[in-house]
Amino acid sequence: MDLDMLNMFVIAGGTLAIPILAFVASFLLWPSALIRIYYWYWRRALGMQVRYANYDDYQFCYSYRGRPGYRPSILMLHGFSAHKDMWLSIVKFLPKNLHLVCVDMPGHEGTTRSDLDDYSIIGQAKRIHQFVECIKLNRKPFHLVGTSMGGNVAGVYAAQYPEDICSLTLICPAGLPSTTDSKFIKQLRELQESKRIDRIPLIPSTPEEMADMLKLCSYVRFKVPQQILQGLVDVRIPHNEFYRKLFLEIVDEKSRHSLHENMSKIKAPTQVIWGKQDQVLDVSGASVLASAIPDCHVYILENCGHSVVVERPRKTANLILEFLALLHSIDNNKKQA
């Protein structure tokens, strides 16, 4: 082999080795960077664009795909300590011609975080209404989706601003009293009794605590490598002080049962999706909603926990689409009658 040929192989090998070594280094040394790249890649692959909207001096960060059309736009509200990208697993299974908007909830990710802000459920609903007005999403009624804490906010929003929405999907929503204590509620009571409320199971600060949180939130047992667990923790740790403050705010008497206190005011057709094996918020909450909301469609998913969006994304997307198609069919029948 002559020297030129040898140099060519060395250069080619080096060219291939650089991205491989960069990936390995990122995985071993900066797993949190790898997680951010992962979300960036999936946003790009799914056609989601990130934008900012301002209400006075308050900034909202959101992602969107598509444009408003004859079908209702869909606004998605994520849960406690999550962010807009948690919806990507569902976005993957929704038609590209649907207008989708996923917003970072108050204080989360790219949306303004202020010590002066009201993080109660009512306060968050008001902020989301400001966001809706900022981007003029309520020019025509839209479909609102919320999960967990976001479900609590979505339900209160539907009660407080009924003219804005045409329909509602609540996924394992918080804000309801339960006749059966979930595993999470039992853990909270034990922590309160031992005066260790700073050890909130939904606010991990080590890879081991992150693994425990994933087991608590999911029925499906995901095998997550230690380095990824570390990356997930690294991403969250700078925000843990805020998460503790927010958690204490939303479990306070002012917010704890906000959805329950407002559910009788919800007039829009409502869909409730709940994982039967939810260990965070007991599935009995679904029957509470069904008994209070006149036009309520309940779907209980077998072998599914609290993280419905992650565990059963295709099924959840299909249920939402079927619900919207049903409502569209009903509307057409009314017009023809």
Foldseek 3Di string as FASTA:
>chain_A
DDPVVVVVVVVVVVVVVVVVVVVVCCLQPPLLVVVVVVLVVLCVVLVWDWDWFDDPPWIKIKIKAADDDPAAAEEEEEAFQDAQSLLSLQSVQADRNHIYMGIGFDPHDPTDHDPPQQLALVSRLVVVVSVCVRVVSQPDAHEYEYAASGLLSQLLNCLVPVSRHQEYEYELYFQADDPDAFLQNVVCVVCVVVVNNLPRLCQDQALVSLQVNCVLFWLDRDDDDSSNSRSVNVVRVVCSVVSSVSVCNCCPPSHRNSSLVRLLSRAHQYEYEYECAARNRHPVVLVSSVVRYPRYHYDYDYSTYRSCCVPPSNVVSVVVVVVSVVVVVVVVVVVVD
